[in-house]
C-alpha atoms as a PDB file:
ATOM      1  CA  UNK A   1     128.923 102.482 123.184  1.00  0.00           C
ATOM      2  CA  UNK A   2     128.382  98.735 122.928  1.00  0.00           C
ATOM      3  CA  UNK A   3     127.015  98.639 126.497  1.00  0.00           C
ATOM      4  CA  UNK A   4     124.402 101.266 125.646  1.00  0.00           C
ATOM      5  CA  UNK A   5     123.473  99.451 122.421  1.00  0.00           C
ATOM      6  CA  UNK A   6     123.122  96.168 124.307  1.00  0.00           C
ATOM      7  CA  UNK A   7     120.930  97.886 126.896  1.00  0.00           C
ATOM      8  CA  UNK A   8     118.636  99.355 124.243  1.00  0.00           C
ATOM      9  CA  UNK A   9     118.310  96.016 122.441  1.00  0.00           C
ATOM     10  CA  UNK A  10     117.073  94.455 125.663  1.00  0.00           C
ATOM     11  CA  UNK A  11     115.940  90.850 125.351  1.00  0.00           C
ATOM     12  CA  UNK A  12     116.895  90.848 121.655  1.00  0.00           C
ATOM     13  CA  UNK A  13     120.548  91.683 122.315  1.00  0.00           C
ATOM     14  CA  UNK A  14     121.970  88.155 122.159  1.00  0.00           C
ATOM     15  CA  UNK A  15     119.911  87.123 119.121  1.00  0.00           C
ATOM     16  CA  UNK A  16     120.920  90.223 117.181  1.00  0.00           C
ATOM     17  CA  UNK A  17     124.512  90.835 118.277  1.00  0.00           C
ATOM     18  CA  UNK A  18     125.695  87.205 118.234  1.00  0.00           C
ATOM     19  CA  UNK A  19     123.816  85.842 115.233  1.00  0.00           C
ATOM     20  CA  UNK A  20     125.901  84.103 112.564  1.00  0.00           C
ATOM     21  CA  UNK A  21     124.432  84.191 109.075  1.00  0.00           C
ATOM     22  CA  UNK A  22     124.556  80.722 107.460  1.00  0.00           C
ATOM     23  CA  UNK A  23     122.471  81.611 104.415  1.00  0.00           C
ATOM     24  CA  UNK A  24     124.365  84.059 102.178  1.00  0.00           C
ATOM     25  CA  UNK A  25     127.928  84.196 103.582  1.00  0.00           C
ATOM     26  CA  UNK A  26     129.421  87.579 104.395  1.00  0.00           C
ATOM     27  CA  UNK A  27     132.441  86.777 102.184  1.00  0.00           C
ATOM     28  CA  UNK A  28     130.225  87.245  99.116  1.00  0.00           C
ATOM     29  CA  UNK A  29     129.254  90.786 100.077  1.00  0.00           C
ATOM     30  CA  UNK A  30     130.705  94.138  99.093  1.00  0.00           C
ATOM     31  CA  UNK A  31     130.711  95.902 102.454  1.00  0.00           C
ATOM     32  CA  UNK A  32     130.681  99.661 103.115  1.00  0.00           C
ATOM     33  CA  UNK A  33     134.125 101.053 103.890  1.00  0.00           C
ATOM     34  CA  UNK A  34     136.248 104.185 103.598  1.00  0.00           C
ATOM     35  CA  UNK A  35     137.124 103.334  99.976  1.00  0.00           C
ATOM     36  CA  UNK A  36     133.583 102.592  98.777  1.00  0.00           C
ATOM     37  CA  UNK A  37     133.592 105.236  96.035  1.00  0.00           C
ATOM     38  CA  UNK A  38     136.986 104.073  94.736  1.00  0.00           C
ATOM     39  CA  UNK A  39     136.289 100.347  94.849  1.00  0.00           C
ATOM     40  CA  UNK A  40     132.563 100.115  94.088  1.00  0.00           C
ATOM     41  CA  UNK A  41     131.350 103.183  92.199  1.00  0.00           C
ATOM     42  CA  UNK A  42     134.488 104.272  90.332  1.00  0.00           C
ATOM     43  CA  UNK A  43     134.659 101.141  88.099  1.00  0.00           C
ATOM     44  CA  UNK A  44     131.030 101.750  87.047  1.00  0.00           C
ATOM     45  CA  UNK A  45     129.744 104.035  84.283  1.00  0.00           C
ATOM     46  CA  UNK A  46     129.084 106.922  86.722  1.00  0.00           C
ATOM     47  CA  UNK A  47     130.867 110.100  85.654  1.00  0.00           C
ATOM     48  CA  UNK A  48     133.370 111.972  87.799  1.00  0.00           C
ATOM     49  CA  UNK A  49     130.790 114.485  89.009  1.00  0.00           C
ATOM     50  CA  UNK A  50     128.574 111.680  90.372  1.00  0.00           C
ATOM     51  CA  UNK A  51     131.606 110.165  92.090  1.00  0.00           C
ATOM     52  CA  UNK A  52     132.426 113.505  93.663  1.00  0.00           C
ATOM     53  CA  UNK A  53     128.899 113.926  95.018  1.00  0.00           C
ATOM     54  CA  UNK A  54     128.833 110.372  96.367  1.00  0.00           C
ATOM     55  CA  UNK A  55     132.140 111.072  98.090  1.00  0.00           C
ATOM     56  CA  UNK A  56     130.752 114.324  99.495  1.00  0.00           C
ATOM     57  CA  UNK A  57     127.808 112.437 101.010  1.00  0.00           C
ATOM     58  CA  UNK A  58     130.122 109.797 102.484  1.00  0.00           C
ATOM     59  CA  UNK A  59     132.499 112.439 103.864  1.00  0.00           C
ATOM     60  CA  UNK A  60     129.803 114.421 105.718  1.00  0.00           C
ATOM     61  CA  UNK A  61     128.546 114.135 109.285  1.00  0.00           C
ATOM     62  CA  UNK A  62     129.486 111.867 112.157  1.00  0.00           C
ATOM     63  CA  UNK A  63     129.831 108.827 109.881  1.00  0.00           C
ATOM     64  CA  UNK A  64     132.303 110.548 107.539  1.00  0.00           C
ATOM     65  CA  UNK A  65     134.969 108.153 106.300  1.00  0.00           C
ATOM     66  CA  UNK A  66     133.180 104.955 107.358  1.00  0.00           C
ATOM     67  CA  UNK A  67     131.282 104.131 104.158  1.00  0.00           C
ATOM     68  CA  UNK A  68     128.001 104.237 106.115  1.00  0.00           C
ATOM     69  CA  UNK A  69     125.288 106.881 105.890  1.00  0.00           C
ATOM     70  CA  UNK A  70     122.662 108.398 108.151  1.00  0.00           C
ATOM     71  CA  UNK A  71     120.153 110.444 106.158  1.00  0.00           C
ATOM     72  CA  UNK A  72     117.285 112.587 107.457  1.00  0.00           C
ATOM     73  CA  UNK A  73     114.245 112.352 105.110  1.00  0.00           C
ATOM     74  CA  UNK A  74     111.330 114.739 105.557  1.00  0.00           C
ATOM     75  CA  UNK A  75     108.832 114.611 102.704  1.00  0.00           C
ATOM     76  CA  UNK A  76     105.880 113.664 104.919  1.00  0.00           C
ATOM     77  CA  UNK A  77     104.310 117.091 104.426  1.00  0.00           C
ATOM     78  CA  UNK A  78     103.154 115.737 101.081  1.00  0.00           C
ATOM     79  CA  UNK A  79     103.137 111.989 101.632  1.00  0.00           C
ATOM     80  CA  UNK A  80     101.198 112.049 104.930  1.00  0.00           C
ATOM     81  CA  UNK A  81      99.864 115.661 104.994  1.00  0.00           C
ATOM     82  CA  UNK A  82     101.683 118.494 106.706  1.00  0.00           C
ATOM     83  CA  UNK A  83      99.222 118.802 109.567  1.00  0.00           C
ATOM     84  CA  UNK A  84      99.373 115.127 110.494  1.00  0.00           C
ATOM     85  CA  UNK A  85     103.155 115.079 110.177  1.00  0.00           C
ATOM     86  CA  UNK A  86     104.078 118.302 111.977  1.00  0.00           C
ATOM     87  CA  UNK A  87     101.311 118.651 114.591  1.00  0.00           C
ATOM     88  CA  UNK A  88     103.540 116.949 117.171  1.00  0.00           C
ATOM     89  CA  UNK A  89     106.297 119.481 116.550  1.00  0.00           C
ATOM     90  CA  UNK A  90     105.133 122.529 114.548  1.00  0.00           C
ATOM     91  CA  UNK A  91     108.626 124.032 114.197  1.00  0.00           C
ATOM     92  CA  UNK A  92     109.121 121.711 111.217  1.00  0.00           C
ATOM     93  CA  UNK A  93     106.566 123.587 109.152  1.00  0.00           C
ATOM     94  CA  UNK A  94     109.605 125.872 108.703  1.00  0.00           C
ATOM     95  CA  UNK A  95     111.995 124.165 106.245  1.00  0.00           C
ATOM     96  CA  UNK A  96     115.082 125.683 107.859  1.00  0.00           C
ATOM     97  CA  UNK A  97     114.521 123.588 110.978  1.00  0.00           C
ATOM     98  CA  UNK A  98     114.526 120.411 108.883  1.00  0.00           C
ATOM     99  CA  UNK A  99     117.978 121.253 107.547  1.00  0.00           C
ATOM    100  CA  UNK A 100     119.168 122.334 111.008  1.00  0.00           C
ATOM    101  CA  UNK A 101     118.063 118.987 112.469  1.00  0.00           C
ATOM    102  CA  UNK A 102     120.047 117.112 109.826  1.00  0.00           C
ATOM    103  CA  UNK A 103     123.152 119.202 110.496  1.00  0.00           C
ATOM    104  CA  UNK A 104     122.943 119.160 114.291  1.00  0.00           C
ATOM    105  CA  UNK A 105     122.102 115.463 114.114  1.00  0.00           C
ATOM    106  CA  UNK A 106     125.366 114.747 112.279  1.00  0.00           C
ATOM    107  CA  UNK A 107     123.675 113.346 109.180  1.00  0.00           C
ATOM    108  CA  UNK A 108     125.401 112.663 105.857  1.00  0.00           C
ATOM    109  CA  UNK A 109     122.572 114.348 103.940  1.00  0.00           C
ATOM    110  CA  UNK A 110     119.070 115.757 104.185  1.00  0.00           C
ATOM    111  CA  UNK A 111     116.348 114.489 101.833  1.00  0.00           C
ATOM    112  CA  UNK A 112     113.241 116.560 101.229  1.00  0.00           C
ATOM    113  CA  UNK A 113     111.031 118.232  98.647  1.00  0.00           C
ATOM    114  CA  UNK A 114     111.795 120.840  95.995  1.00  0.00           C
ATOM    115  CA  UNK A 115     109.993 123.443  98.091  1.00  0.00           C
ATOM    116  CA  UNK A 116     111.693 122.663 101.385  1.00  0.00           C
ATOM    117  CA  UNK A 117     115.244 122.520 100.053  1.00  0.00           C
ATOM    118  CA  UNK A 118     114.764 125.248  97.455  1.00  0.00           C
ATOM    119  CA  UNK A 119     113.538 127.691 100.097  1.00  0.00           C
ATOM    120  CA  UNK A 120     116.879 127.576 101.948  1.00  0.00           C
ATOM    121  CA  UNK A 121     119.223 126.443  99.176  1.00  0.00           C
ATOM    122  CA  UNK A 122     121.459 129.532  99.063  1.00  0.00           C
ATOM    123  CA  UNK A 123     122.045 129.294 102.817  1.00  0.00           C
ATOM    124  CA  UNK A 124     122.626 125.563 103.185  1.00  0.00           C
ATOM    125  CA  UNK A 125     123.215 123.687  99.899  1.00  0.00           C
ATOM    126  CA  UNK A 126     126.993 124.072 100.270  1.00  0.00           C
ATOM    127  CA  UNK A 127     126.968 123.057 103.938  1.00  0.00           C
ATOM    128  CA  UNK A 128     125.199 119.686 103.810  1.00  0.00           C
ATOM    129  CA  UNK A 129     124.400 117.466 100.804  1.00  0.00           C
ATOM    130  CA  UNK A 130     120.846 117.926  99.537  1.00  0.00           C
ATOM    131  CA  UNK A 131     118.833 114.941  98.259  1.00  0.00           C
ATOM    132  CA  UNK A 132     115.888 116.380  96.333  1.00  0.00           C
ATOM    133  CA  UNK A 133     112.882 114.052  96.284  1.00  0.00           C
ATOM    134  CA  UNK A 134     111.465 114.515  92.792  1.00  0.00           C
ATOM    135  CA  UNK A 135     108.173 112.595  93.057  1.00  0.00           C
ATOM    136  CA  UNK A 136     105.482 112.122  95.683  1.00  0.00           C
ATOM    137  CA  UNK A 137     102.080 110.635  96.388  1.00  0.00           C
ATOM    138  CA  UNK A 138      99.695 113.508  97.158  1.00  0.00           C
ATOM    139  CA  UNK A 139      96.741 112.675  99.373  1.00  0.00           C
ATOM    140  CA  UNK A 140      94.242 115.457  98.620  1.00  0.00           C
ATOM    141  CA  UNK A 141      92.398 113.737  95.755  1.00  0.00           C
ATOM    142  CA  UNK A 142      89.063 112.352  96.967  1.00  0.00           C
ATOM    143  CA  UNK A 143      88.914 109.482  97.393  1.00  0.00           C
ATOM    144  CA  UNK A 144      92.635 109.085  98.080  1.00  0.00           C
ATOM    145  CA  UNK A 145      94.664 107.693  95.212  1.00  0.00           C
ATOM    146  CA  UNK A 146      98.129 106.180  95.452  1.00  0.00           C
ATOM    147  CA  UNK A 147     100.473 107.157  92.664  1.00  0.00           C
ATOM    148  CA  UNK A 148     103.916 108.748  92.602  1.00  0.00           C
ATOM    149  CA  UNK A 149     103.941 111.796  90.335  1.00  0.00           C
ATOM    150  CA  UNK A 150     106.741 114.231  89.490  1.00  0.00           C
ATOM    151  CA  UNK A 151     106.745 117.515  91.397  1.00  0.00           C
ATOM    152  CA  UNK A 152     109.603 119.175  89.517  1.00  0.00           C
ATOM    153  CA  UNK A 153     112.479 118.533  87.159  1.00  0.00           C
ATOM    154  CA  UNK A 154     115.920 117.019  87.541  1.00  0.00           C
ATOM    155  CA  UNK A 155     117.385 120.252  86.183  1.00  0.00           C
ATOM    156  CA  UNK A 156     115.807 122.178  89.083  1.00  0.00           C
ATOM    157  CA  UNK A 157     117.541 119.859  91.535  1.00  0.00           C
ATOM    158  CA  UNK A 158     120.870 120.429  89.803  1.00  0.00           C
ATOM    159  CA  UNK A 159     120.326 124.191  89.780  1.00  0.00           C
ATOM    160  CA  UNK A 160     119.868 124.308  93.574  1.00  0.00           C
ATOM    161  CA  UNK A 161     123.167 122.451  94.045  1.00  0.00           C
ATOM    162  CA  UNK A 162     121.758 119.063  95.044  1.00  0.00           C
ATOM    163  CA  UNK A 163     124.204 116.202  95.545  1.00  0.00           C
ATOM    164  CA  UNK A 164     121.539 113.638  94.682  1.00  0.00           C
ATOM    165  CA  UNK A 165     117.945 113.140  93.630  1.00  0.00           C
ATOM    166  CA  UNK A 166     115.573 110.691  95.253  1.00  0.00           C
ATOM    167  CA  UNK A 167     112.436 109.063  93.914  1.00  0.00           C
ATOM    168  CA  UNK A 168     109.851 106.433  94.828  1.00  0.00           C
ATOM    169  CA  UNK A 169     108.501 103.654  92.651  1.00  0.00           C
ATOM    170  CA  UNK A 170     105.467 101.659  93.794  1.00  0.00           C
ATOM    171  CA  UNK A 171     106.545  98.299  92.423  1.00  0.00           C
ATOM    172  CA  UNK A 172     103.562  95.988  91.919  1.00  0.00           C
ATOM    173  CA  UNK A 173     101.052  98.827  91.455  1.00  0.00           C
ATOM    174  CA  UNK A 174      99.024  99.461  88.313  1.00  0.00           C
ATOM    175  CA  UNK A 175     101.108 102.584  87.698  1.00  0.00           C
ATOM    176  CA  UNK A 176     104.497 100.906  88.204  1.00  0.00           C
ATOM    177  CA  UNK A 177     105.370 100.507  84.505  1.00  0.00           C
ATOM    178  CA  UNK A 178     104.992 104.256  83.932  1.00  0.00           C
ATOM    179  CA  UNK A 179     106.915 105.050  87.109  1.00  0.00           C
ATOM    180  CA  UNK A 180     109.791 102.725  86.123  1.00  0.00           C
ATOM    181  CA  UNK A 181     110.175 104.401  82.724  1.00  0.00           C
ATOM    182  CA  UNK A 182     109.751 107.888  84.209  1.00  0.00           C
ATOM    183  CA  UNK A 183     112.300 107.437  86.988  1.00  0.00           C
ATOM    184  CA  UNK A 184     114.787 105.523  84.811  1.00  0.00           C
ATOM    185  CA  UNK A 185     114.848 108.533  82.478  1.00  0.00           C
ATOM    186  CA  UNK A 186     115.110 110.943  85.427  1.00  0.00           C
ATOM    187  CA  UNK A 187     117.997 108.993  86.946  1.00  0.00           C
ATOM    188  CA  UNK A 188     119.840 108.895  83.629  1.00  0.00           C
ATOM    189  CA  UNK A 189     119.570 112.694  83.390  1.00  0.00           C
ATOM    190  CA  UNK A 190     120.595 113.097  87.041  1.00  0.00           C
ATOM    191  CA  UNK A 191     123.747 111.076  86.377  1.00  0.00           C
ATOM    192  CA  UNK A 192     124.432 113.108  83.259  1.00  0.00           C
ATOM    193  CA  UNK A 193     124.184 116.286  85.353  1.00  0.00           C
ATOM    194  CA  UNK A 194     126.497 114.841  88.003  1.00  0.00           C
ATOM    195  CA  UNK A 195     124.058 113.918  90.770  1.00  0.00           C
ATOM    196  CA  UNK A 196     123.766 110.613  92.606  1.00  0.00           C
ATOM    197  CA  UNK A 197     120.442 108.745  92.728  1.00  0.00           C
ATOM    198  CA  UNK A 198     118.519 107.192  95.630  1.00  0.00           C
ATOM    199  CA  UNK A 199     115.445 105.033  95.000  1.00  0.00           C
ATOM    200  CA  UNK A 200     112.675 104.347  97.496  1.00  0.00           C
ATOM    201  CA  UNK A 201     111.835 100.780  96.336  1.00  0.00           C
ATOM    202  CA  UNK A 202     108.388 100.293  97.845  1.00  0.00           C
ATOM    203  CA  UNK A 203     105.959  97.554  96.869  1.00  0.00           C
ATOM    204  CA  UNK A 204     102.297  98.527  96.710  1.00  0.00           C
ATOM    205  CA  UNK A 205      99.279  96.401  95.827  1.00  0.00           C
ATOM    206  CA  UNK A 206      96.186  95.527  97.860  1.00  0.00           C
ATOM    207  CA  UNK A 207      96.685  91.884  96.856  1.00  0.00           C
ATOM    208  CA  UNK A 208      99.931  91.813  98.851  1.00  0.00           C
ATOM    209  CA  UNK A 209      97.859  91.728 102.043  1.00  0.00           C
ATOM    210  CA  UNK A 210      96.968  88.062 102.519  1.00  0.00           C
ATOM    211  CA  UNK A 211      97.267  86.133 105.785  1.00  0.00           C
ATOM    212  CA  UNK A 212      99.866  88.789 106.651  1.00  0.00           C
ATOM    213  CA  UNK A 213     101.143  91.996 105.101  1.00  0.00           C
ATOM    214  CA  UNK A 214     103.605  90.941 102.406  1.00  0.00           C
ATOM    215  CA  UNK A 215     104.485  94.555 101.593  1.00  0.00           C
ATOM    216  CA  UNK A 216     107.348  93.911 104.026  1.00  0.00           C
ATOM    217  CA  UNK A 217     108.236  90.412 102.773  1.00  0.00           C
ATOM    218  CA  UNK A 218     111.919  89.793 102.068  1.00  0.00           C
ATOM    219  CA  UNK A 219     111.235  88.142  98.698  1.00  0.00           C
ATOM    220  CA  UNK A 220     108.972  90.894  97.305  1.00  0.00           C
ATOM    221  CA  UNK A 221     111.053  93.784  98.654  1.00  0.00           C
ATOM    222  CA  UNK A 222     114.225  92.016  97.526  1.00  0.00           C
ATOM    223  CA  UNK A 223     112.913  91.833  93.969  1.00  0.00           C
ATOM    224  CA  UNK A 224     111.918  95.497  94.142  1.00  0.00           C
ATOM    225  CA  UNK A 225     115.513  96.253  95.151  1.00  0.00           C
ATOM    226  CA  UNK A 226     116.778  94.260  92.159  1.00  0.00           C
ATOM    227  CA  UNK A 227     114.591  96.289  89.828  1.00  0.00           C
ATOM    228  CA  UNK A 228     115.852  99.465  91.478  1.00  0.00           C
ATOM    229  CA  UNK A 229     119.512  98.686  90.922  1.00  0.00           C
ATOM    230  CA  UNK A 230     118.654  97.721  87.353  1.00  0.00           C
ATOM    231  CA  UNK A 231     117.708 101.334  86.592  1.00  0.00           C
ATOM    232  CA  UNK A 232     121.040 102.390  88.159  1.00  0.00           C
ATOM    233  CA  UNK A 233     120.019 103.719  91.530  1.00  0.00           C
ATOM    234  CA  UNK A 234     123.224 104.420  93.483  1.00  0.00           C
ATOM    235  CA  UNK A 235     121.559 103.744  96.850  1.00  0.00           C
ATOM    236  CA  UNK A 236     118.413 101.730  97.573  1.00  0.00           C
ATOM    237  CA  UNK A 237     115.975 102.674 100.336  1.00  0.00           C
ATOM    238  CA  UNK A 238     113.799  99.822 101.554  1.00  0.00           C
ATOM    239  CA  UNK A 239     111.610  99.016 104.534  1.00  0.00           C
ATOM    240  CA  UNK A 240     113.059  96.512 106.977  1.00  0.00           C
ATOM    241  CA  UNK A 241     111.635  93.064 106.112  1.00  0.00           C
ATOM    242  CA  UNK A 242     109.286  91.553 108.680  1.00  0.00           C
ATOM    243  CA  UNK A 243     108.313  88.273 107.000  1.00  0.00           C
ATOM    244  CA  UNK A 244     108.925  86.209 103.865  1.00  0.00           C
ATOM    245  CA  UNK A 245     107.061  84.089 101.333  1.00  0.00           C
ATOM    246  CA  UNK A 246     105.183  86.768  99.433  1.00  0.00           C
ATOM    247  CA  UNK A 247     105.569  85.052  96.068  1.00  0.00           C
ATOM    248  CA  UNK A 248     104.552  81.737  97.612  1.00  0.00           C
ATOM    249  CA  UNK A 249     101.443  83.173  99.285  1.00  0.00           C
ATOM    250  CA  UNK A 250     100.300  84.943  96.130  1.00  0.00           C
ATOM    251  CA  UNK A 251     100.629  81.703  94.144  1.00  0.00           C
ATOM    252  CA  UNK A 252      98.349  79.710  96.444  1.00  0.00           C
ATOM    253  CA  UNK A 253      94.967  78.725  95.088  1.00  0.00           C
ATOM    254  CA  UNK A 254      96.217  78.082  91.576  1.00  0.00           C
ATOM    255  CA  UNK A 255      97.097  81.669  90.663  1.00  0.00           C
ATOM    256  CA  UNK A 256     100.310  82.402  88.812  1.00  0.00           C
ATOM    257  CA  UNK A 257     102.334  85.351  90.071  1.00  0.00           C
ATOM    258  CA  UNK A 258     105.969  86.045  89.395  1.00  0.00           C
ATOM    259  CA  UNK A 259     108.632  83.367  89.674  1.00  0.00           C
ATOM    260  CA  UNK A 260     110.089  81.664  92.712  1.00  0.00           C
ATOM    261  CA  UNK A 261     112.530  78.970  93.732  1.00  0.00           C
ATOM    262  CA  UNK A 262     112.039  77.284  97.104  1.00  0.00           C
ATOM    263  CA  UNK A 263     115.740  77.802  97.794  1.00  0.00           C
ATOM    264  CA  UNK A 264     114.909  81.493  98.220  1.00  0.00           C
ATOM    265  CA  UNK A 265     113.350  80.475 101.522  1.00  0.00           C
ATOM    266  CA  UNK A 266     115.304  77.375 102.532  1.00  0.00           C
ATOM    267  CA  UNK A 267     118.877  78.313 101.558  1.00  0.00           C
ATOM    268  CA  UNK A 268     119.067  82.045 100.859  1.00  0.00           C
ATOM    269  CA  UNK A 269     117.183  83.202 103.940  1.00  0.00           C
ATOM    270  CA  UNK A 270     115.643  82.205 107.254  1.00  0.00           C
ATOM    271  CA  UNK A 271     113.174  83.754 109.664  1.00  0.00           C
ATOM    272  CA  UNK A 272     115.919  85.710 111.436  1.00  0.00           C
ATOM    273  CA  UNK A 273     115.637  89.486 110.757  1.00  0.00           C
ATOM    274  CA  UNK A 274     119.329  89.741 109.837  1.00  0.00           C
ATOM    275  CA  UNK A 275     119.002  86.910 107.285  1.00  0.00           C
ATOM    276  CA  UNK A 276     115.838  88.481 105.844  1.00  0.00           C
ATOM    277  CA  UNK A 277     117.659  91.793 105.433  1.00  0.00           C
ATOM    278  CA  UNK A 278     120.710  90.086 103.953  1.00  0.00           C
ATOM    279  CA  UNK A 279     118.449  88.773 101.188  1.00  0.00           C
ATOM    280  CA  UNK A 280     117.578  92.412 100.450  1.00  0.00           C
ATOM    281  CA  UNK A 281     121.308  93.259 100.363  1.00  0.00           C
ATOM    282  CA  UNK A 282     121.983  90.343  98.002  1.00  0.00           C
ATOM    283  CA  UNK A 283     119.433  91.760  95.582  1.00  0.00           C
ATOM    284  CA  UNK A 284     121.391  95.035  95.588  1.00  0.00           C
ATOM    285  CA  UNK A 285     124.164  93.285  93.625  1.00  0.00           C
ATOM    286  CA  UNK A 286     125.560  91.719  96.797  1.00  0.00           C
ATOM    287  CA  UNK A 287     126.017  95.142  98.336  1.00  0.00           C
ATOM    288  CA  UNK A 288     127.646  96.872  95.371  1.00  0.00           C
ATOM    289  CA  UNK A 289     124.682  99.239  95.592  1.00  0.00           C
ATOM    290  CA  UNK A 290     124.167 100.279  99.197  1.00  0.00           C
ATOM    291  CA  UNK A 291     120.978  99.335 101.058  1.00  0.00           C
ATOM    292  CA  UNK A 292     119.583 101.836 103.542  1.00  0.00           C
ATOM    293  CA  UNK A 293     116.574 100.778 105.576  1.00  0.00           C
ATOM    294  CA  UNK A 294     113.880 103.183 106.719  1.00  0.00           C
ATOM    295  CA  UNK A 295     113.392 103.982 110.381  1.00  0.00           C
ATOM    296  CA  UNK A 296     109.614 103.653 110.358  1.00  0.00           C
ATOM    297  CA  UNK A 297     106.874 105.618 112.067  1.00  0.00           C
ATOM    298  CA  UNK A 298     107.299 107.371 115.404  1.00  0.00           C
ATOM    299  CA  UNK A 299     105.966 105.479 118.416  1.00  0.00           C
ATOM    300  CA  UNK A 300     106.499 105.015 122.144  1.00  0.00           C
ATOM    301  CA  UNK A 301     109.927 103.351 122.051  1.00  0.00           C
ATOM    302  CA  UNK A 302     111.659 105.151 119.181  1.00  0.00           C
ATOM    303  CA  UNK A 303     115.204 105.102 120.549  1.00  0.00           C
ATOM    304  CA  UNK A 304     115.291 101.331 121.041  1.00  0.00           C
ATOM    305  CA  UNK A 305     113.525 100.678 117.725  1.00  0.00           C
ATOM    306  CA  UNK A 306     115.944 102.904 115.807  1.00  0.00           C
ATOM    307  CA  UNK A 307     118.986 101.195 117.329  1.00  0.00           C
ATOM    308  CA  UNK A 308     117.486  97.758 116.622  1.00  0.00           C
ATOM    309  CA  UNK A 309     116.931  98.629 112.972  1.00  0.00           C
ATOM    310  CA  UNK A 310     120.475  99.976 112.672  1.00  0.00           C
ATOM    311  CA  UNK A 311     121.972  96.818 114.182  1.00  0.00           C
ATOM    312  CA  UNK A 312     119.989  94.605 111.792  1.00  0.00           C
ATOM    313  CA  UNK A 313     120.966  96.708 108.779  1.00  0.00           C
ATOM    314  CA  UNK A 314     124.652  96.849 109.662  1.00  0.00           C
ATOM    315  CA  UNK A 315     125.001  93.172 110.567  1.00  0.00           C
ATOM    316  CA  UNK A 316     123.151  92.198 107.357  1.00  0.00           C
ATOM    317  CA  UNK A 317     125.618  94.175 105.227  1.00  0.00           C
ATOM    318  CA  UNK A 318     123.586  97.330 104.672  1.00  0.00           C
ATOM    319  CA  UNK A 319     124.880 100.863 104.172  1.00  0.00           C
ATOM    320  CA  UNK A 320     122.929 102.732 106.832  1.00  0.00           C
ATOM    321  CA  UNK A 321     119.605 104.161 107.888  1.00  0.00           C
ATOM    322  CA  UNK A 322     117.275 106.840 106.576  1.00  0.00           C
ATOM    323  CA  UNK A 323     115.127 107.871 109.525  1.00  0.00           C
ATOM    324  CA  UNK A 324     112.802 110.852 109.663  1.00  0.00           C
ATOM    325  CA  UNK A 325     109.623 110.637 111.736  1.00  0.00           C
ATOM    326  CA  UNK A 326     111.366 109.209 114.791  1.00  0.00           C
ATOM    327  CA  UNK A 327     113.584 112.311 114.759  1.00  0.00           C
ATOM    328  CA  UNK A 328     111.415 115.244 113.709  1.00  0.00           C
ATOM    329  CA  UNK A 329     108.196 114.347 115.519  1.00  0.00           C
ATOM    330  CA  UNK A 330     109.757 115.335 118.843  1.00  0.00           C
ATOM    331  CA  UNK A 331     111.787 118.247 120.267  1.00  0.00           C
ATOM    332  CA  UNK A 332     114.958 118.896 118.288  1.00  0.00           C
ATOM    333  CA  UNK A 333     117.307 117.840 121.099  1.00  0.00           C
ATOM    334  CA  UNK A 334     115.513 114.491 121.349  1.00  0.00           C
ATOM    335  CA  UNK A 335     115.626 114.084 117.579  1.00  0.00           C
ATOM    336  CA  UNK A 336     119.376 114.722 117.602  1.00  0.00           C
ATOM    337  CA  UNK A 337     119.759 112.083 120.326  1.00  0.00           C
ATOM    338  CA  UNK A 338     117.990 109.467 118.194  1.00  0.00           C
ATOM    339  CA  UNK A 339     120.065 110.299 115.115  1.00  0.00           C
ATOM    340  CA  UNK A 340     123.265 110.043 117.156  1.00  0.00           C
ATOM    341  CA  UNK A 341     122.153 106.711 118.629  1.00  0.00           C
ATOM    342  CA  UNK A 342     121.654 105.352 115.107  1.00  0.00           C
ATOM    343  CA  UNK A 343     125.071 106.604 114.041  1.00  0.00           C
ATOM    344  CA  UNK A 344     126.709 105.133 117.135  1.00  0.00           C
ATOM    345  CA  UNK A 345     125.772 101.643 115.896  1.00  0.00           C
ATOM    346  CA  UNK A 346     127.797 102.196 112.725  1.00  0.00           C
ATOM    347  CA  UNK A 347     130.673 103.733 114.714  1.00  0.00           C
ATOM    348  CA  UNK A 348     130.835 100.789 117.128  1.00  0.00           C
ATOM    349  CA  UNK A 349     133.372  98.224 115.894  1.00  0.00           C
ATOM    350  CA  UNK A 350     131.913  95.511 118.141  1.00  0.00           C
ATOM    351  CA  UNK A 351     128.764  95.504 115.970  1.00  0.00           C
ATOM    352  CA  UNK A 352     130.129  93.396 113.135  1.00  0.00           C
ATOM    353  CA  UNK A 353     128.884  91.798 109.930  1.00  0.00           C
ATOM    354  CA  UNK A 354     127.002  88.600 110.747  1.00  0.00           C
END
């Protein structure tokens, strides 16, 4: 498999596969492994039912027993409108095909909406772990507004047999304080009811677009991760970082935003994508809470992009990938191929921690 991975990485292969991280050393990290639930989650305050569901997720699919996860997320019917999301492949208007793709693709879990998972719960909730996404940004208000609102209750997720709940917080937005309180309370109840928790830690503010788009800056997304683990998310979902220096850029011109230490940029990270992602991992309690990066939008070179993201995540110390649009916006067989290619990175022992 390493030959195929190297081929897909192309000109980036040497820089990604042979990079040595000299910022945050790998010895400081808690890395995914077959005993992750026993060594990382069991000493925490999570109850035995949460531990069982985490173990179920980690024991499902092609990555079972590795400590890594490959999750299929499909909530774009709300987040991006159903027509825009499913026009390329209309079979996914039918929720059963979403679950089938996750199962045939060898995923650890499928993440979707109350409606999608609830509509097929009695047929599939015991066959693959469900992650019920409890809040969304709906785009029908005119003009469009950007706020994550609850679409159901944690109890509903428990009643349909979900292994976990997922939620998004727009850190940095005007609504973020309400969202933090709302989701912290929801996650506490989810843990009480025995479900694991996954947090989409996205940053959102028009001011974050300066000379470049700092929504994908390692320092801002890293701090969002740190806030996410503070409210006891069990897994953090974050976009792959593409730049750094968000705090620094927002403080130019005499403004005062947040707090920074130049060592964040000179000692704790570099411009290398693996080092940028390792800074995200460090903010997840040095990997005690797993970091999964998102696969991004579907494009013209999805297979190579998905493998590249997986290599960066794994070598940085992450826990896996959560990739949806690259898989479901194409024929199912092609989507399965992409999911398997992602998983092959985590199954390939030659792709090591940097």
